């Protein structure tokens, strides 16, 4: 049967890290003044780039860690610290928004990476793939990865409508709630990593 727990855990984690509601005003700022057709293409490009980066690390993350001789507990602790930094930025609202440049396709950089496919999301996917044992768990993990990128695309695609519905205050509220949830997940991940280190000592 489909592993609902694995799907929901990774989907919620990636949702609060990638923050689809919070990315909409940034996308609007980067896509400002462009035709609607160009904005739709930018949304598709950003989501595609983010998915490709996440998929590469999901498929080859274990080999990369093996080459660098990095243990899973160390990755969990480092990932927890990275997530905690992201959470603090969400809670305090001090994260800087990138500016538009003429020579770079902003849908690829910085929107696709590192805003969407950032270190927190990469670490979370590597750990989720490593801990998914069996076909159903792997299917759930990859379904969650695909689903969150579909949500990201739809959020950017219909960003103008979303902003009109929830207003700036709604975006701020959702971002703060996401930061609170992410901080709890980050602390739990650090605790799990430290526990594995102590048990292995």
Protein backbone atom coordinates (compact mmCIF):
# COMPACT_ATOMS: atom_id res chain seq x y z
CA UNK A 1 0.00 0.00 0.00
CA UNK A 2 0.98 3.63 -0.49
CA UNK A 3 3.07 4.93 2.45
CA UNK A 4 0.99 7.93 3.50
CA UNK A 5 3.25 8.75 6.46
CA UNK A 6 6.39 9.01 4.30
CA UNK A 7 4.53 11.11 1.73
CA UNK A 8 3.00 13.53 4.24
CA UNK A 9 6.21 13.94 6.25
CA UNK A 10 8.36 14.86 3.25
CA UNK A 11 5.64 16.93 1.58
CA UNK A 12 5.05 19.04 4.71
CA UNK A 13 8.81 19.42 5.26
CA UNK A 14 9.41 20.60 1.68
CA UNK A 15 6.31 22.81 1.82
CA UNK A 16 7.57 24.77 4.82
CA UNK A 17 11.12 24.94 3.41
CA UNK A 18 10.23 25.95 -0.15
CA UNK A 19 7.31 28.07 1.10
CA UNK A 20 5.00 28.36 -1.96
CA UNK A 21 2.94 31.23 -0.44
CA UNK A 22 6.08 33.15 0.47
CA UNK A 23 7.70 32.66 -2.94
CA UNK A 24 4.83 34.35 -4.77
CA UNK A 25 5.76 37.98 -3.94
CA UNK A 26 9.41 37.24 -4.81
CA UNK A 27 8.33 35.74 -8.11
CA UNK A 28 6.15 38.76 -8.83
CA UNK A 29 9.06 41.07 -8.10
CA UNK A 30 11.38 39.17 -10.43
CA UNK A 31 8.76 38.84 -13.17
CA UNK A 32 7.47 42.39 -12.90
CA UNK A 33 6.87 44.19 -16.19
CA UNK A 34 7.05 41.02 -18.30
CA UNK A 35 4.18 39.75 -20.47
CA UNK A 36 1.88 37.11 -18.99
CA UNK A 37 3.23 34.51 -21.40
CA UNK A 38 6.79 35.15 -20.22
CA UNK A 39 5.70 34.96 -16.58
CA UNK A 40 4.10 31.57 -17.19
CA UNK A 41 7.28 30.33 -18.86
CA UNK A 42 9.37 31.61 -15.96
CA UNK A 43 7.17 29.74 -13.48
CA UNK A 44 7.61 26.52 -15.45
CA UNK A 45 11.38 26.99 -15.80
CA UNK A 46 11.88 27.72 -12.10
CA UNK A 47 9.88 24.67 -11.00
CA UNK A 48 11.67 22.45 -13.54
CA UNK A 49 15.15 23.58 -12.47
CA UNK A 50 14.31 23.07 -8.81
CA UNK A 51 12.94 19.58 -9.50
CA UNK A 52 16.02 18.57 -11.52
CA UNK A 53 18.40 19.70 -8.77
CA UNK A 54 16.38 17.95 -6.07
CA UNK A 55 16.07 14.77 -8.18
CA UNK A 56 19.84 14.58 -8.79
CA UNK A 57 20.57 14.78 -5.08
CA UNK A 58 17.75 12.36 -4.32
CA UNK A 59 19.19 9.79 -6.76
CA UNK A 60 22.90 10.25 -6.11
CA UNK A 61 22.99 11.82 -2.66
CA UNK A 62 24.18 8.62 -0.99
CA UNK A 63 27.06 8.25 -3.46
CA UNK A 64 28.03 11.88 -2.97
CA UNK A 65 28.07 11.41 0.80
CA UNK A 66 30.11 8.22 0.42
CA UNK A 67 32.72 9.98 -1.69
CA UNK A 68 33.01 12.75 0.90
CA UNK A 69 32.95 10.28 3.84
CA UNK A 70 30.02 12.03 5.50
CA UNK A 71 27.93 9.95 7.92
CA UNK A 72 24.14 10.11 8.10
CA UNK A 73 24.10 11.51 11.68
CA UNK A 74 26.49 14.28 10.63
CA UNK A 75 24.25 15.09 7.68
CA UNK A 76 21.18 15.08 9.94
CA UNK A 77 22.79 17.52 12.38
CA UNK A 78 24.09 19.77 9.60
CA UNK A 79 20.73 19.63 7.86
CA UNK A 80 18.95 20.49 11.10
CA UNK A 81 21.17 23.53 11.56
CA UNK A 82 20.52 24.64 7.97
CA UNK A 83 16.78 24.19 8.47
CA UNK A 84 16.96 26.16 11.69
CA UNK A 85 18.63 29.06 9.87
CA UNK A 86 15.89 28.99 7.23
CA UNK A 87 13.26 28.88 9.97
CA UNK A 88 14.78 31.88 11.74
CA UNK A 89 14.72 33.84 8.49
CA UNK A 90 11.06 32.95 8.02
CA UNK A 91 10.20 33.89 11.59
CA UNK A 92 12.07 37.19 11.62
CA UNK A 93 11.39 38.16 8.01
CA UNK A 94 15.04 39.14 7.51
CA UNK A 95 15.69 37.07 4.40
CA UNK A 96 16.79 39.23 1.49
CA UNK A 97 14.86 39.21 -1.74
CA UNK A 98 16.99 38.92 -4.89
CA UNK A 99 16.99 41.70 -7.43
CA UNK A 100 16.34 41.37 -11.10
CA UNK A 101 19.31 41.21 -13.46
CA UNK A 102 19.42 41.62 -17.21
CA UNK A 103 22.13 39.07 -18.04
CA UNK A 104 20.75 36.13 -16.07
CA UNK A 105 17.50 34.23 -16.47
CA UNK A 106 16.09 34.83 -12.98
CA UNK A 107 13.78 31.82 -13.37
CA UNK A 108 16.91 29.65 -13.22
CA UNK A 109 19.09 31.68 -10.83
CA UNK A 110 18.24 32.69 -8.15
CA UNK A 111 14.62 31.49 -8.31
CA UNK A 112 15.06 27.84 -9.30
CA UNK A 113 18.24 27.58 -7.27
CA UNK A 114 18.99 28.43 -4.52
CA UNK A 115 15.62 29.93 -3.52
CA UNK A 116 13.58 26.81 -4.29
CA UNK A 117 16.20 24.05 -4.43
CA UNK A 118 18.18 25.33 -1.48
CA UNK A 119 20.40 23.42 0.97
CA UNK A 120 17.54 22.72 3.37
CA UNK A 121 15.39 21.08 0.69
CA UNK A 122 18.36 19.12 -0.70
CA UNK A 123 19.33 17.73 2.71
CA UNK A 124 15.72 16.81 3.51
CA UNK A 125 15.33 14.89 0.24
CA UNK A 126 18.63 13.02 0.65
CA UNK A 127 17.62 11.89 4.15
CA UNK A 128 14.09 10.97 3.07
CA UNK A 129 15.36 8.81 0.18
CA UNK A 130 17.93 7.15 2.44
CA UNK A 131 15.35 6.28 5.08
CA UNK A 132 12.69 5.07 2.61
CA UNK A 133 12.94 1.28 2.68
CA UNK A 134 10.92 -0.66 0.15
CA UNK A 135 9.09 0.21 -3.04
CA UNK A 136 6.04 1.79 -1.39
CA UNK A 137 8.17 4.13 0.74
CA UNK A 138 10.28 5.14 -2.26
CA UNK A 139 7.14 5.72 -4.32
CA UNK A 140 5.71 7.91 -1.56
CA UNK A 141 8.91 9.96 -1.30
CA UNK A 142 9.16 10.63 -5.04
CA UNK A 143 5.44 11.34 -5.26
CA UNK A 144 5.91 13.96 -2.54
CA UNK A 145 8.82 15.50 -4.46
CA UNK A 146 6.76 15.72 -7.64
CA UNK A 147 3.71 17.01 -5.77
CA UNK A 148 5.54 19.87 -4.04
CA UNK A 149 7.00 21.04 -7.34
CA UNK A 150 3.55 20.99 -8.92
CA UNK A 151 2.34 23.13 -6.01
CA UNK A 152 5.28 25.50 -6.49
CA UNK A 153 4.53 25.84 -10.19
CA UNK A 154 0.84 26.52 -9.55
CA UNK A 155 1.71 29.05 -6.82
CA UNK A 156 3.96 30.99 -9.19
CA UNK A 157 1.66 30.49 -12.18
CA UNK A 158 -1.31 31.98 -10.34
CA UNK A 159 0.70 34.31 -8.08
CA UNK A 160 -1.26 37.41 -9.08
CA UNK A 161 -4.53 35.76 -8.05
CA UNK A 162 -3.03 34.39 -4.81
CA UNK A 163 -1.76 37.79 -3.74
CA UNK A 164 -5.16 39.34 -4.43
CA UNK A 165 -6.86 36.66 -2.31
CA UNK A 166 -4.62 36.42 0.77
CA UNK A 167 -3.11 39.91 0.58
CA UNK A 168 0.34 40.81 1.93
CA UNK A 169 -0.78 40.18 5.50
CA UNK A 170 -1.81 36.63 4.62
CA UNK A 171 1.58 35.91 3.05
CA UNK A 172 3.34 37.18 6.19
CA UNK A 173 1.10 35.07 8.45
CA UNK A 174 1.65 31.87 6.47
CA UNK A 175 5.39 32.53 6.35
CA UNK A 176 5.59 32.96 10.14
CA UNK A 177 3.59 29.77 10.74
CA UNK A 178 5.84 27.90 8.32
CA UNK A 179 8.90 29.20 10.18
CA UNK A 180 7.54 27.94 13.50
CA UNK A 181 6.83 24.48 12.10
CA UNK A 182 10.19 24.32 10.37
CA UNK A 183 12.07 25.31 13.52
CA UNK A 184 10.45 22.41 15.39
CA UNK A 185 11.36 20.00 12.58
CA UNK A 186 14.93 21.32 12.57
CA UNK A 187 15.38 20.83 16.33
CA UNK A 188 13.94 17.31 16.11
CA UNK A 189 16.35 16.47 13.27
CA UNK A 190 19.31 17.70 15.34
CA UNK A 191 18.13 15.63 18.31
CA UNK A 192 17.82 12.54 16.11
CA UNK A 193 21.34 13.06 14.73
CA UNK A 194 22.88 13.54 18.17
CA UNK A 195 21.01 10.47 19.46
CA UNK A 196 22.46 8.34 16.65
CA UNK A 197 25.96 9.62 17.40
CA UNK A 198 25.59 8.77 21.10
CA UNK A 199 24.16 5.33 20.34
CA UNK A 200 26.98 4.60 17.89
CA UNK A 201 29.72 5.70 20.30
